[in-house]
Amino acid sequence: SIWKSLLELDAKDRKLMQENSNPLKRKV
């Protein structure tokens, strides 16, 4: 369970960082 939760939280964080790094491109 902990192994899975670590990977899930990491995936969410990476997705959030990717959105944060280039939000203008997504909107345009």
PDB file of all heavy atoms in Angstrom:
ATOM      1  N   SER A   1       0.823  -1.207   0.000  1.00  0.00           N
ATOM      2  CA  SER A   1       0.000   0.000   0.000  1.00  0.00           C
ATOM      3  C   SER A   1       0.856   1.256   0.000  1.00  0.00           C
ATOM      4  O   SER A   1       0.594   2.210  -0.741  1.00  0.00           O
ATOM      5  CB  SER A   1      -0.931   0.006   1.219  1.00  0.00           C
ATOM      6  OG  SER A   1      -1.850  -1.055   1.167  1.00  0.00           O
ATOM      7  N   ILE A   2       1.886   1.271   0.835  1.00  0.00           N
ATOM      8  CA  ILE A   2       2.759   2.447   0.904  1.00  0.00           C
ATOM      9  C   ILE A   2       3.526   2.617  -0.399  1.00  0.00           C
ATOM     10  O   ILE A   2       3.690   3.734  -0.903  1.00  0.00           O
ATOM     11  CB  ILE A   2       3.719   2.314   2.102  1.00  0.00           C
ATOM     12  CG1 ILE A   2       2.932   2.411   3.401  1.00  0.00           C
ATOM     13  CG2 ILE A   2       4.781   3.399   2.067  1.00  0.00           C
ATOM     14  CD1 ILE A   2       3.754   2.138   4.635  1.00  0.00           C
ATOM     15  N   TRP A   3       4.011   1.519  -0.943  1.00  0.00           N
ATOM     16  CA  TRP A   3       4.727   1.583  -2.228  1.00  0.00           C
ATOM     17  C   TRP A   3       3.828   2.185  -3.301  1.00  0.00           C
ATOM     18  O   TRP A   3       4.247   3.068  -4.050  1.00  0.00           O
ATOM     19  CB  TRP A   3       5.157   0.166  -2.613  1.00  0.00           C
ATOM     20  CG  TRP A   3       5.799   0.042  -3.958  1.00  0.00           C
ATOM     21  CD1 TRP A   3       7.049   0.423  -4.314  1.00  0.00           C
ATOM     22  CD2 TRP A   3       5.202  -0.513  -5.142  1.00  0.00           C
ATOM     23  NE1 TRP A   3       7.286   0.140  -5.640  1.00  0.00           N
ATOM     24  CE2 TRP A   3       6.161  -0.439  -6.170  1.00  0.00           C
ATOM     25  CE3 TRP A   3       3.954  -1.068  -5.419  1.00  0.00           C
ATOM     26  CZ2 TRP A   3       5.912  -0.892  -7.452  1.00  0.00           C
ATOM     27  CZ3 TRP A   3       3.712  -1.527  -6.696  1.00  0.00           C
ATOM     28  CH2 TRP A   3       4.675  -1.438  -7.704  1.00  0.00           C
ATOM     29  N   LYS A   4       2.572   1.730  -3.365  1.00  0.00           N
ATOM     30  CA  LYS A   4       1.643   2.250  -4.361  1.00  0.00           C
ATOM     31  C   LYS A   4       1.325   3.718  -4.106  1.00  0.00           C
ATOM     32  O   LYS A   4       1.285   4.528  -5.033  1.00  0.00           O
ATOM     33  CB  LYS A   4       0.358   1.426  -4.364  1.00  0.00           C
ATOM     34  CG  LYS A   4      -0.635   1.861  -5.442  1.00  0.00           C
ATOM     35  CD  LYS A   4      -1.844   0.947  -5.476  1.00  0.00           C
ATOM     36  CE  LYS A   4      -2.827   1.415  -6.557  1.00  0.00           C
ATOM     37  NZ  LYS A   4      -4.024   0.557  -6.637  1.00  0.00           N
ATOM     38  N   SER A   5       1.123   4.093  -2.828  1.00  0.00           N
ATOM     39  CA  SER A   5       0.782   5.481  -2.520  1.00  0.00           C
ATOM     40  C   SER A   5       1.939   6.419  -2.839  1.00  0.00           C
ATOM     41  O   SER A   5       1.732   7.545  -3.301  1.00  0.00           O
ATOM     42  CB  SER A   5       0.382   5.617  -1.050  1.00  0.00           C
ATOM     43  OG  SER A   5       1.477   5.377  -0.195  1.00  0.00           O
ATOM     44  N   LEU A   6       3.167   5.968  -2.606  1.00  0.00           N
ATOM     45  CA  LEU A   6       4.333   6.770  -2.967  1.00  0.00           C
ATOM     46  C   LEU A   6       4.348   7.074  -4.460  1.00  0.00           C
ATOM     47  O   LEU A   6       4.565   8.211  -4.886  1.00  0.00           O
ATOM     48  CB  LEU A   6       5.617   6.035  -2.578  1.00  0.00           C
ATOM     49  CG  LEU A   6       6.061   6.097  -1.121  1.00  0.00           C
ATOM     50  CD1 LEU A   6       7.199   5.116  -0.886  1.00  0.00           C
ATOM     51  CD2 LEU A   6       6.501   7.504  -0.756  1.00  0.00           C
ATOM     52  N   LEU A   7       4.109   6.042  -5.260  1.00  0.00           N
ATOM     53  CA  LEU A   7       4.128   6.220  -6.710  1.00  0.00           C
ATOM     54  C   LEU A   7       2.964   7.097  -7.172  1.00  0.00           C
ATOM     55  O   LEU A   7       3.119   7.920  -8.085  1.00  0.00           O
ATOM     56  CB  LEU A   7       4.079   4.866  -7.412  1.00  0.00           C
ATOM     57  CG  LEU A   7       5.249   3.914  -7.127  1.00  0.00           C
ATOM     58  CD1 LEU A   7       5.097   2.630  -7.917  1.00  0.00           C
ATOM     59  CD2 LEU A   7       6.581   4.579  -7.454  1.00  0.00           C
ATOM     60  N   GLU A   8       1.783   6.935  -6.561  1.00  0.00           N
ATOM     61  CA  GLU A   8       0.622   7.741  -6.943  1.00  0.00           C
ATOM     62  C   GLU A   8       0.834   9.213  -6.612  1.00  0.00           C
ATOM     63  O   GLU A   8       0.553  10.104  -7.428  1.00  0.00           O
ATOM     64  CB  GLU A   8      -0.627   7.218  -6.242  1.00  0.00           C
ATOM     65  CG  GLU A   8      -1.135   5.895  -6.798  1.00  0.00           C
ATOM     66  CD  GLU A   8      -2.344   5.371  -6.032  1.00  0.00           C
ATOM     67  OE1 GLU A   8      -2.628   5.916  -4.945  1.00  0.00           O
ATOM     68  OE2 GLU A   8      -2.981   4.424  -6.523  1.00  0.00           O
ATOM     69  N   LEU A   9       1.348   9.497  -5.417  1.00  0.00           N
ATOM     70  CA  LEU A   9       1.614  10.881  -5.038  1.00  0.00           C
ATOM     71  C   LEU A   9       2.688  11.497  -5.915  1.00  0.00           C
ATOM     72  O   LEU A   9       2.620  12.660  -6.292  1.00  0.00           O
ATOM     73  CB  LEU A   9       2.027  10.943  -3.563  1.00  0.00           C
ATOM     74  CG  LEU A   9       0.914  10.700  -2.548  1.00  0.00           C
ATOM     75  CD1 LEU A   9       1.494  10.560  -1.148  1.00  0.00           C
ATOM     76  CD2 LEU A   9      -0.112  11.819  -2.581  1.00  0.00           C
ATOM     77  N   ASP A  10       3.703  10.684  -6.256  1.00  0.00           N
ATOM     78  CA  ASP A  10       4.764  11.179  -7.128  1.00  0.00           C
ATOM     79  C   ASP A  10       4.214  11.499  -8.509  1.00  0.00           C
ATOM     80  O   ASP A  10       4.569  12.526  -9.112  1.00  0.00           O
ATOM     81  CB  ASP A  10       5.868  10.129  -7.234  1.00  0.00           C
ATOM     82  CG  ASP A  10       7.032  10.594  -8.089  1.00  0.00           C
ATOM     83  OD1 ASP A  10       7.599  11.650  -7.768  1.00  0.00           O
ATOM     84  OD2 ASP A  10       7.360   9.912  -9.076  1.00  0.00           O
ATOM     85  N   ALA A  11       3.336  10.656  -9.038  1.00  0.00           N
ATOM     86  CA  ALA A  11       2.748  10.904 -10.356  1.00  0.00           C
ATOM     87  C   ALA A  11       1.908  12.187 -10.347  1.00  0.00           C
ATOM     88  O   ALA A  11       1.951  12.981 -11.283  1.00  0.00           O
ATOM     89  CB  ALA A  11       1.898   9.713 -10.781  1.00  0.00           C
ATOM     90  N   LYS A  12       1.137  12.398  -9.265  1.00  0.00           N
ATOM     91  CA  LYS A  12       0.329  13.627  -9.158  1.00  0.00           C
ATOM     92  C   LYS A  12       1.218  14.857  -9.086  1.00  0.00           C
ATOM     93  O   LYS A  12       0.930  15.885  -9.705  1.00  0.00           O
ATOM     94  CB  LYS A  12      -0.569  13.539  -7.925  1.00  0.00           C
ATOM     95  CG  LYS A  12      -1.673  12.500  -8.035  1.00  0.00           C
ATOM     96  CD  LYS A  12      -2.472  12.428  -6.733  1.00  0.00           C
ATOM     97  CE  LYS A  12      -3.542  11.340  -6.805  1.00  0.00           C
ATOM     98  NZ  LYS A  12      -4.290  11.209  -5.525  1.00  0.00           N
ATOM     99  N   ASP A  13       2.291  14.775  -8.305  1.00  0.00           N
ATOM    100  CA  ASP A  13       3.209  15.910  -8.184  1.00  0.00           C
ATOM    101  C   ASP A  13       3.864  16.236  -9.520  1.00  0.00           C
ATOM    102  O   ASP A  13       4.003  17.399  -9.900  1.00  0.00           O
ATOM    103  CB  ASP A  13       4.282  15.610  -7.136  1.00  0.00           C
ATOM    104  CG  ASP A  13       3.739  15.736  -5.724  1.00  0.00           C
ATOM    105  OD1 ASP A  13       2.633  16.280  -5.571  1.00  0.00           O
ATOM    106  OD2 ASP A  13       4.414  15.288  -4.783  1.00  0.00           O
ATOM    107  N   ARG A  14       4.292  15.190 -10.255  1.00  0.00           N
ATOM    108  CA  ARG A  14       4.933  15.434 -11.550  1.00  0.00           C
ATOM    109  C   ARG A  14       3.954  16.045 -12.541  1.00  0.00           C
ATOM    110  O   ARG A  14       4.303  16.935 -13.319  1.00  0.00           O
ATOM    111  CB  ARG A  14       5.520  14.130 -12.092  1.00  0.00           C
ATOM    112  CG  ARG A  14       6.820  13.734 -11.418  1.00  0.00           C
ATOM    113  CD  ARG A  14       7.519  12.566 -12.093  1.00  0.00           C
ATOM    114  NE  ARG A  14       6.877  11.300 -11.791  1.00  0.00           N
ATOM    115  CZ  ARG A  14       6.143  10.604 -12.629  1.00  0.00           C
ATOM    116  NH1 ARG A  14       5.941  11.054 -13.859  1.00  0.00           N
ATOM    117  NH2 ARG A  14       5.602   9.457 -12.271  1.00  0.00           N
ATOM    118  N   LYS A  15       2.697  15.595 -12.519  1.00  0.00           N
ATOM    119  CA  LYS A  15       1.685  16.160 -13.402  1.00  0.00           C
ATOM    120  C   LYS A  15       1.424  17.620 -13.066  1.00  0.00           C
ATOM    121  O   LYS A  15       1.312  18.474 -13.952  1.00  0.00           O
ATOM    122  CB  LYS A  15       0.395  15.352 -13.287  1.00  0.00           C
ATOM    123  CG  LYS A  15      -0.709  15.843 -14.215  1.00  0.00           C
ATOM    124  CD  LYS A  15      -1.954  14.970 -14.078  1.00  0.00           C
ATOM    125  CE  LYS A  15      -3.071  15.471 -14.997  1.00  0.00           C
ATOM    126  NZ  LYS A  15      -4.300  14.646 -14.860  1.00  0.00           N
ATOM    127  N   LEU A  16       1.354  17.921 -11.770  1.00  0.00           N
ATOM    128  CA  LEU A  16       1.134  19.293 -11.333  1.00  0.00           C
ATOM    129  C   LEU A  16       2.290  20.187 -11.735  1.00  0.00           C
ATOM    130  O   LEU A  16       2.084  21.321 -12.179  1.00  0.00           O
ATOM    131  CB  LEU A  16       0.944  19.313  -9.808  1.00  0.00           C
ATOM    132  CG  LEU A  16       0.503  20.639  -9.181  1.00  0.00           C
ATOM    133  CD1 LEU A  16      -0.846  21.076  -9.743  1.00  0.00           C
ATOM    134  CD2 LEU A  16       0.428  20.499  -7.670  1.00  0.00           C
ATOM    135  N   MET A  17       3.513  19.686 -11.606  1.00  0.00           N
ATOM    136  CA  MET A  17       4.689  20.468 -11.991  1.00  0.00           C
ATOM    137  C   MET A  17       4.723  20.723 -13.494  1.00  0.00           C
ATOM    138  O   MET A  17       5.095  21.795 -13.954  1.00  0.00           O
ATOM    139  CB  MET A  17       5.961  19.754 -11.548  1.00  0.00           C
ATOM    140  CG  MET A  17       6.179  19.775 -10.055  1.00  0.00           C
ATOM    141  SD  MET A  17       7.684  18.899  -9.580  1.00  0.00           S
ATOM    142  CE  MET A  17       7.648  19.168  -7.804  1.00  0.00           C
ATOM    143  N   GLN A  18       4.326  19.710 -14.273  1.00  0.00           N
ATOM    144  CA  GLN A  18       4.299  19.887 -15.725  1.00  0.00           C
ATOM    145  C   GLN A  18       3.279  20.937 -16.130  1.00  0.00           C
ATOM    146  O   GLN A  18       3.528  21.769 -17.003  1.00  0.00           O
ATOM    147  CB  GLN A  18       3.984  18.553 -16.399  1.00  0.00           C
ATOM    148  CG  GLN A  18       5.117  17.548 -16.327  1.00  0.00           C
ATOM    149  CD  GLN A  18       4.721  16.173 -16.838  1.00  0.00           C
ATOM    150  OE1 GLN A  18       3.564  15.951 -17.192  1.00  0.00           O
ATOM    151  NE2 GLN A  18       5.667  15.251 -16.852  1.00  0.00           N
ATOM    152  N   GLU A  19       2.110  20.920 -15.490  1.00  0.00           N
ATOM    153  CA  GLU A  19       1.095  21.935 -15.771  1.00  0.00           C
ATOM    154  C   GLU A  19       1.574  23.317 -15.351  1.00  0.00           C
ATOM    155  O   GLU A  19       1.341  24.304 -16.029  1.00  0.00           O
ATOM    156  CB  GLU A  19      -0.202  21.583 -15.036  1.00  0.00           C
ATOM    157  CG  GLU A  19      -0.891  20.332 -15.566  1.00  0.00           C
ATOM    158  CD  GLU A  19      -2.084  19.939 -14.722  1.00  0.00           C
ATOM    159  OE1 GLU A  19      -2.245  20.541 -13.626  1.00  0.00           O
ATOM    160  OE2 GLU A  19      -2.847  19.056 -15.135  1.00  0.00           O
ATOM    161  N   ASN A  20       2.275  23.357 -14.235  1.00  0.00           N
ATOM    162  CA  ASN A  20       2.755  24.626 -13.722  1.00  0.00           C
ATOM    163  C   ASN A  20       3.869  25.204 -14.578  1.00  0.00           C
ATOM    164  O   ASN A  20       4.024  26.417 -14.685  1.00  0.00           O
ATOM    165  CB  ASN A  20       3.253  24.441 -12.285  1.00  0.00           C
ATOM    166  CG  ASN A  20       3.469  25.760 -11.564  1.00  0.00           C
ATOM    167  OD1 ASN A  20       2.865  26.765 -11.921  1.00  0.00           O
ATOM    168  ND2 ASN A  20       4.316  25.740 -10.560  1.00  0.00           N
ATOM    169  N   SER A  21       4.658  24.317 -15.208  1.00  0.00           N
ATOM    170  CA  SER A  21       5.800  24.779 -15.984  1.00  0.00           C
ATOM    171  C   SER A  21       5.399  25.419 -17.301  1.00  0.00           C
ATOM    172  O   SER A  21       6.118  26.248 -17.833  1.00  0.00           O
ATOM    173  CB  SER A  21       6.749  23.603 -16.262  1.00  0.00           C
ATOM    174  OG  SER A  21       6.114  22.655 -17.101  1.00  0.00           O
ATOM    175  N   ASN A  22       4.222  25.061 -17.877  1.00  0.00           N
ATOM    176  CA  ASN A  22       3.819  25.625 -19.164  1.00  0.00           C
ATOM    177  C   ASN A  22       2.302  25.765 -19.259  1.00  0.00           C
ATOM    178  O   ASN A  22       1.676  25.227 -20.166  1.00  0.00           O
ATOM    179  CB  ASN A  22       4.333  24.727 -20.299  1.00  0.00           C
ATOM    180  CG  ASN A  22       4.420  25.483 -21.613  1.00  0.00           C
ATOM    181  OD1 ASN A  22       4.101  26.676 -21.678  1.00  0.00           O
ATOM    182  ND2 ASN A  22       4.845  24.798 -22.656  1.00  0.00           N
ATOM    183  N   PRO A  23       1.680  26.524 -18.350  1.00  0.00           N
ATOM    184  CA  PRO A  23       0.228  26.660 -18.394  1.00  0.00           C
ATOM    185  C   PRO A  23      -0.251  27.464 -19.587  1.00  0.00           C
ATOM    186  O   PRO A  23      -1.323  27.227 -20.115  1.00  0.00           O
ATOM    187  CB  PRO A  23      -0.089  27.388 -17.081  1.00  0.00           C
ATOM    188  CG  PRO A  23       1.153  28.130 -16.755  1.00  0.00           C
ATOM    189  CD  PRO A  23       2.276  27.274 -17.239  1.00  0.00           C
ATOM    190  N   LEU A  24       0.552  28.417 -20.063  1.00  0.00           N
ATOM    191  CA  LEU A  24       0.149  29.280 -21.166  1.00  0.00           C
ATOM    192  C   LEU A  24      -0.071  28.476 -22.438  1.00  0.00           C
ATOM    193  O   LEU A  24      -1.049  28.664 -23.149  1.00  0.00           O
ATOM    194  CB  LEU A  24       1.222  30.348 -21.408  1.00  0.00           C
ATOM    195  CG  LEU A  24       0.959  31.326 -22.563  1.00  0.00           C
ATOM    196  CD1 LEU A  24      -0.348  32.079 -22.329  1.00  0.00           C
ATOM    197  CD2 LEU A  24       2.110  32.290 -22.718  1.00  0.00           C
ATOM    198  N   LYS A  25       0.835  27.526 -22.693  1.00  0.00           N
ATOM    199  CA  LYS A  25       0.729  26.725 -23.918  1.00  0.00           C
ATOM    200  C   LYS A  25      -0.572  25.925 -23.926  1.00  0.00           C
ATOM    201  O   LYS A  25      -1.252  25.836 -24.937  1.00  0.00           O
ATOM    202  CB  LYS A  25       1.924  25.778 -24.014  1.00  0.00           C
ATOM    203  CG  LYS A  25       1.908  24.915 -25.268  1.00  0.00           C
ATOM    204  CD  LYS A  25       3.148  24.049 -25.324  1.00  0.00           C
ATOM    205  CE  LYS A  25       3.136  23.179 -26.573  1.00  0.00           C
ATOM    206  NZ  LYS A  25       4.321  22.322 -26.654  1.00  0.00           N
ATOM    207  N   ARG A  26      -0.932  25.350 -22.769  1.00  0.00           N
ATOM    208  CA  ARG A  26      -2.153  24.555 -22.696  1.00  0.00           C
ATOM    209  C   ARG A  26      -3.379  25.415 -22.975  1.00  0.00           C
ATOM    210  O   ARG A  26      -4.285  25.016 -23.694  1.00  0.00           O
ATOM    211  CB  ARG A  26      -2.248  23.914 -21.312  1.00  0.00           C
ATOM    212  CG  ARG A  26      -3.440  23.023 -21.122  1.00  0.00           C
ATOM    213  CD  ARG A  26      -3.322  22.229 -19.824  1.00  0.00           C
ATOM    214  NE  ARG A  26      -3.131  23.072 -18.665  1.00  0.00           N
ATOM    215  CZ  ARG A  26      -4.146  23.647 -18.012  1.00  0.00           C
ATOM    216  NH1 ARG A  26      -5.389  23.452 -18.411  1.00  0.00           N
ATOM    217  NH2 ARG A  26      -3.923  24.405 -16.959  1.00  0.00           N
ATOM    218  N   LYS A  27      -3.432  26.623 -22.421  1.00  0.00           N
ATOM    219  CA  LYS A  27      -4.578  27.495 -22.612  1.00  0.00           C
ATOM    220  C   LYS A  27      -4.671  27.999 -24.046  1.00  0.00           C
ATOM    221  O   LYS A  27      -5.735  28.066 -24.637  1.00  0.00           O
ATOM    222  CB  LYS A  27      -4.476  28.690 -21.664  1.00  0.00           C
ATOM    223  CG  LYS A  27      -4.847  28.360 -20.218  1.00  0.00           C
ATOM    224  CD  LYS A  27      -6.333  28.092 -20.098  1.00  0.00           C
ATOM    225  CE  LYS A  27      -6.742  27.859 -18.658  1.00  0.00           C
ATOM    226  NZ  LYS A  27      -8.179  27.576 -18.546  1.00  0.00           N
ATOM    227  N   VAL A  28      -3.525  28.367 -24.595  1.00  0.00           N
ATOM    228  CA  VAL A  28      -3.534  28.911 -25.952  1.00  0.00           C
ATOM    229  C   VAL A  28      -3.952  27.855 -26.961  1.00  0.00           C
ATOM    230  O   VAL A  28      -4.723  28.124 -27.872  1.00  0.00           O
ATOM    231  CB  VAL A  28      -2.137  29.474 -26.301  1.00  0.00           C
ATOM    232  CG1 VAL A  28      -2.059  29.820 -27.779  1.00  0.00           C
ATOM    233  CG2 VAL A  28      -1.858  30.703 -25.454  1.00  0.00           C
TER     234      VAL A  28
END
